[in-house]
């Protein structure tokens, strides 16, 4: 879990979330559009769309923008056809990387992503090369100012798989199919996470330091900055001391 929490906290410290709000909205609109296109515009009957809309609301996306994205997906408004897929590759030090993308031009996306990997001491792999190192889970994260015992009790009662104290966050893990159910049960108990999402959890971690650590953080940053990239997951672990050094 350390890699996921660590990267989220690095982004928070860099202020990247606020600086890239426009890009965040663009990615959320794509996800809502594709989810509506695949499973229809009914939130109650389309868990993927429900999750995307909830995420958009938590990022303060205007309701009109959300509604337009849904209508583009269902065909009620003219929109762009997106292809979605996954790239697998390796970062510095043999770190496993999974890149989820949505694009209207796969050739462009492949070229861009390959260039980013190569420039930051990584390389694209073949399908299946690293996917086995990750497991899809629902993740609800709380700040450490929350009541761990209350979170633990409510999470297990709601059907969560595990609750972890990661030092800088309390994290609730769920089966992907029970994610919405667990999150809603916890919110009903007055426990709203600071983030709630479906994610890929690495099963093993790769420690990095020095130049490799710096290259890895740049690789993550550049991949996430690409308009066609929706999510990036990696199994790196970098110490707080090393991060402080890199970030100056």
Protein backbone atom coordinates (compact mmCIF):
# COMPACT_ATOMS: atom_id res chain seq x y z
CA UNK A 1 0.00 0.00 0.00
CA UNK A 2 2.92 2.32 0.63
CA UNK A 3 3.38 3.23 -3.03
CA UNK A 4 -0.21 4.36 -3.49
CA UNK A 5 -0.27 6.49 -0.34
CA UNK A 6 3.17 7.89 -0.97
CA UNK A 7 2.40 9.11 -4.48
CA UNK A 8 -0.92 10.64 -3.37
CA UNK A 9 0.88 12.54 -0.61
CA UNK A 10 3.69 13.67 -2.93
CA UNK A 11 1.13 15.12 -5.33
CA UNK A 12 -0.63 16.84 -2.44
CA UNK A 13 2.64 18.38 -1.21
CA UNK A 14 3.51 19.59 -4.70
CA UNK A 15 0.11 21.23 -5.00
CA UNK A 16 -0.36 19.34 -8.26
CA UNK A 17 -4.05 18.70 -7.70
CA UNK A 18 -4.99 22.37 -7.64
CA UNK A 19 -2.58 23.33 -10.40
CA UNK A 20 -3.97 20.64 -12.71
CA UNK A 21 -7.68 20.95 -11.92
CA UNK A 22 -8.46 21.48 -15.62
CA UNK A 23 -6.73 18.21 -16.50
CA UNK A 24 -8.52 16.42 -13.67
CA UNK A 25 -11.86 17.60 -15.03
CA UNK A 26 -10.92 16.48 -18.54
CA UNK A 27 -10.10 12.96 -17.32
CA UNK A 28 -13.27 12.75 -15.23
CA UNK A 29 -15.43 13.88 -18.16
CA UNK A 30 -13.88 11.12 -20.32
CA UNK A 31 -14.56 8.50 -17.64
CA UNK A 32 -18.18 9.62 -17.19
CA UNK A 33 -18.75 9.66 -20.97
CA UNK A 34 -17.29 6.17 -21.49
CA UNK A 35 -19.10 4.74 -18.45
CA UNK A 36 -22.43 6.12 -19.70
CA UNK A 37 -21.72 4.84 -23.21
CA UNK A 38 -21.03 1.30 -21.95
CA UNK A 39 -23.61 0.95 -19.19
CA UNK A 40 -26.23 3.66 -19.81
CA UNK A 41 -27.01 6.90 -18.02
CA UNK A 42 -28.82 5.50 -14.96
CA UNK A 43 -26.58 5.96 -11.91
CA UNK A 44 -28.38 3.28 -9.89
CA UNK A 45 -27.98 0.70 -12.65
CA UNK A 46 -24.43 1.61 -13.65
CA UNK A 47 -21.91 1.28 -10.78
CA UNK A 48 -19.00 2.52 -12.90
CA UNK A 49 -20.89 5.69 -13.82
CA UNK A 50 -21.99 6.15 -10.20
CA UNK A 51 -18.37 5.96 -9.02
CA UNK A 52 -17.22 8.43 -11.70
CA UNK A 53 -19.97 10.93 -10.91
CA UNK A 54 -19.28 10.69 -7.17
CA UNK A 55 -15.60 11.37 -7.84
CA UNK A 56 -16.48 14.34 -10.05
CA UNK A 57 -18.73 15.77 -7.35
CA UNK A 58 -16.00 15.37 -4.73
CA UNK A 59 -13.71 17.38 -7.03
CA UNK A 60 -16.39 20.09 -7.26
CA UNK A 61 -17.27 19.55 -10.91
CA UNK A 62 -20.40 21.57 -11.83
CA UNK A 63 -23.60 19.54 -12.22
CA UNK A 64 -24.15 20.87 -15.76
CA UNK A 65 -20.74 19.57 -16.80
CA UNK A 66 -21.50 16.13 -15.34
CA UNK A 67 -24.90 16.01 -17.06
CA UNK A 68 -23.40 16.96 -20.43
CA UNK A 69 -20.77 14.24 -20.13
CA UNK A 70 -23.46 11.64 -19.40
CA UNK A 71 -25.56 12.79 -22.35
CA UNK A 72 -22.54 12.59 -24.67
CA UNK A 73 -22.03 9.02 -23.51
CA UNK A 74 -25.65 8.00 -24.04
CA UNK A 75 -25.79 9.72 -27.44
CA UNK A 76 -28.23 12.44 -26.40
CA UNK A 77 -25.50 14.96 -27.25
CA UNK A 78 -22.81 14.68 -29.92
CA UNK A 79 -19.51 13.50 -28.47
CA UNK A 80 -16.15 11.86 -29.20
CA UNK A 81 -15.70 8.09 -29.38
CA UNK A 82 -13.00 7.02 -26.92
CA UNK A 83 -11.06 3.77 -26.89
CA UNK A 84 -9.87 2.63 -23.48
CA UNK A 85 -7.08 0.25 -22.61
CA UNK A 86 -4.00 -0.46 -20.52
CA UNK A 87 -0.26 -0.22 -21.06
CA UNK A 88 2.20 -2.15 -18.89
CA UNK A 89 5.81 -1.24 -18.44
CA UNK A 90 8.83 -0.79 -16.22
CA UNK A 91 10.21 2.30 -14.55
CA UNK A 92 13.69 2.93 -13.11
CA UNK A 93 14.99 0.06 -10.95
CA UNK A 94 12.51 -2.41 -12.46
CA UNK A 95 9.44 -0.77 -10.92
CA UNK A 96 6.21 -2.20 -12.38
CA UNK A 97 3.93 0.42 -13.94
CA UNK A 98 0.34 0.15 -15.20
CA UNK A 99 -1.09 2.99 -17.30
CA UNK A 100 -4.84 3.19 -17.97
CA UNK A 101 -5.73 5.34 -20.97
CA UNK A 102 -8.70 6.71 -22.92
CA UNK A 103 -8.03 8.12 -26.36
CA UNK A 104 -9.54 9.08 -29.68
CA UNK A 105 -6.20 8.29 -31.38
CA UNK A 106 -4.42 5.16 -30.13
CA UNK A 107 -1.40 5.65 -32.41
CA UNK A 108 -0.71 9.07 -30.86
CA UNK A 109 -1.16 7.74 -27.33
CA UNK A 110 1.19 4.78 -27.83
CA UNK A 111 3.89 7.06 -29.24
CA UNK A 112 3.49 9.63 -26.45
CA UNK A 113 3.52 7.08 -23.63
CA UNK A 114 6.48 5.19 -25.09
CA UNK A 115 8.42 8.47 -25.36
CA UNK A 116 7.69 9.34 -21.72
CA UNK A 117 8.87 5.92 -20.51
CA UNK A 118 12.06 6.06 -22.58
CA UNK A 119 12.92 9.61 -21.53
CA UNK A 120 12.71 8.70 -17.83
CA UNK A 121 14.73 5.48 -17.85
CA UNK A 122 11.79 3.13 -18.32
CA UNK A 123 10.29 1.06 -21.10
CA UNK A 124 6.93 -0.27 -22.24
CA UNK A 125 6.38 -3.99 -21.75
CA UNK A 126 4.03 -6.50 -23.38
CA UNK A 127 0.50 -7.15 -22.15
CA UNK A 128 0.56 -9.25 -18.99
CA UNK A 129 4.16 -8.39 -18.11
CA UNK A 130 3.34 -6.67 -14.80
CA UNK A 131 -0.45 -6.90 -14.32
CA UNK A 132 -0.07 -10.00 -12.14
CA UNK A 133 1.77 -7.85 -9.56
CA UNK A 134 -1.38 -5.76 -8.90
CA UNK A 135 -4.87 -6.44 -7.60
CA UNK A 136 -7.93 -4.23 -8.24
CA UNK A 137 -9.53 -3.03 -5.03
CA UNK A 138 -11.86 -0.38 -3.73
CA UNK A 139 -9.96 2.09 -1.56
CA UNK A 140 -11.36 4.60 0.94
CA UNK A 141 -8.71 6.77 2.59
CA UNK A 142 -9.06 8.85 5.77
CA UNK A 143 -6.74 11.38 7.35
CA UNK A 144 -5.05 10.37 10.60
CA UNK A 145 -7.15 12.95 12.46
CA UNK A 146 -10.08 10.53 12.07
CA UNK A 147 -10.99 7.90 14.69
CA UNK A 148 -9.25 4.68 13.63
CA UNK A 149 -11.30 2.44 15.91
CA UNK A 150 -14.55 3.87 14.56
CA UNK A 151 -13.33 3.42 10.98
CA UNK A 152 -12.19 -0.14 11.67
CA UNK A 153 -15.47 -1.15 13.26
CA UNK A 154 -17.71 0.49 10.63
CA UNK A 155 -15.62 -0.83 7.72
CA UNK A 156 -15.68 -4.46 8.82
CA UNK A 157 -19.38 -4.24 9.65
CA UNK A 158 -20.02 -2.86 6.14
CA UNK A 159 -18.17 -5.77 4.53
CA UNK A 160 -14.71 -4.30 3.89
CA UNK A 161 -11.80 -6.70 3.43
CA UNK A 162 -9.18 -4.87 5.46
CA UNK A 163 -8.32 -1.65 7.31
CA UNK A 164 -4.71 -0.44 7.44
CA UNK A 165 -2.89 2.28 9.34
CA UNK A 166 -0.36 3.54 6.80
CA UNK A 167 1.16 6.11 9.14
CA UNK A 168 -0.06 9.13 7.18
CA UNK A 169 -3.50 7.73 6.32
CA UNK A 170 -6.07 5.14 7.37
CA UNK A 171 -7.05 3.02 4.39
CA UNK A 172 -10.09 0.78 3.95
CA UNK A 173 -9.85 -1.92 1.26
CA UNK A 174 -12.87 -3.54 -0.36
CA UNK A 175 -13.71 -6.02 -3.06
CA UNK A 176 -14.38 -3.89 -6.19
CA UNK A 177 -17.97 -5.15 -6.38
CA UNK A 178 -18.65 -4.02 -2.80
CA UNK A 179 -16.93 -0.64 -3.02
CA UNK A 180 -20.06 1.53 -3.35
CA UNK A 181 -21.91 -0.49 -0.72
CA UNK A 182 -19.09 -0.16 1.84
CA UNK A 183 -18.50 3.52 1.12
CA UNK A 184 -22.19 4.38 1.50
CA UNK A 185 -22.48 2.38 4.71
CA UNK A 186 -19.49 4.21 6.18
CA UNK A 187 -20.82 7.60 5.08
CA UNK A 188 -24.12 6.63 6.71
CA UNK A 189 -22.15 6.12 9.92
CA UNK A 190 -20.74 9.66 9.56
CA UNK A 191 -17.38 8.53 8.18
CA UNK A 192 -16.61 10.17 4.83
CA UNK A 193 -13.18 9.44 3.37
CA UNK A 194 -10.99 12.16 1.89
CA UNK A 195 -10.68 9.96 -1.21
CA UNK A 196 -12.71 6.98 -2.41
CA UNK A 197 -11.82 5.18 -5.63
CA UNK A 198 -11.25 1.93 -7.45
CA UNK A 199 -7.52 1.41 -7.76
CA UNK A 200 -4.76 -1.13 -8.42
CA UNK A 201 -2.90 -2.27 -5.30
CA UNK A 202 0.67 -3.58 -5.75
CA UNK A 203 1.36 -6.93 -4.11
CA UNK A 204 5.13 -6.36 -3.84
CA UNK A 205 7.15 -3.16 -3.55
CA UNK A 206 10.46 -2.00 -5.08
CA UNK A 207 12.60 0.34 -2.98
CA UNK A 208 14.23 3.27 -4.78
CA UNK A 209 16.69 5.97 -3.82
CA UNK A 210 18.92 8.59 -5.39
CA UNK A 211 18.69 9.19 -9.13
CA UNK A 212 16.31 6.27 -9.71
CA UNK A 213 13.86 7.68 -7.15
CA UNK A 214 13.99 11.08 -8.82
CA UNK A 215 13.48 9.57 -12.28
CA UNK A 216 10.53 7.52 -11.03
CA UNK A 217 8.72 10.54 -9.62
CA UNK A 218 9.29 12.43 -12.88
CA UNK A 219 7.98 9.45 -14.86
CA UNK A 220 4.80 9.32 -12.75
CA UNK A 221 4.31 13.07 -13.08
CA UNK A 222 4.77 13.12 -16.87
CA UNK A 223 2.49 10.12 -17.42
CA UNK A 224 -0.30 11.65 -15.34
CA UNK A 225 0.18 14.95 -17.16
CA UNK A 226 -0.66 13.30 -20.51
CA UNK A 227 -4.23 14.10 -21.61
CA UNK A 228 -4.90 10.51 -22.76
CA UNK A 229 -3.76 8.90 -19.50
CA UNK A 230 -6.49 8.31 -16.92
CA UNK A 231 -4.60 6.55 -14.12
CA UNK A 232 -1.07 5.40 -13.33
CA UNK A 233 -0.18 2.70 -10.79
CA UNK A 234 3.32 1.64 -9.75
CA UNK A 235 4.92 -0.52 -7.05
CA UNK A 236 7.74 1.83 -5.96
CA UNK A 237 8.59 2.69 -2.37
CA UNK A 238 10.63 5.81 -1.64
CA UNK A 239 11.49 6.90 1.90
CA UNK A 240 10.22 10.20 3.30
CA UNK A 241 13.82 11.35 3.67
CA UNK A 242 14.52 10.64 0.01
CA UNK A 243 11.36 12.46 -1.07
CA UNK A 244 12.29 15.49 1.03
CA UNK A 245 15.71 15.51 -0.67
CA UNK A 246 14.23 15.29 -4.18
CA UNK A 247 11.63 17.98 -3.55
CA UNK A 248 14.25 20.28 -2.04
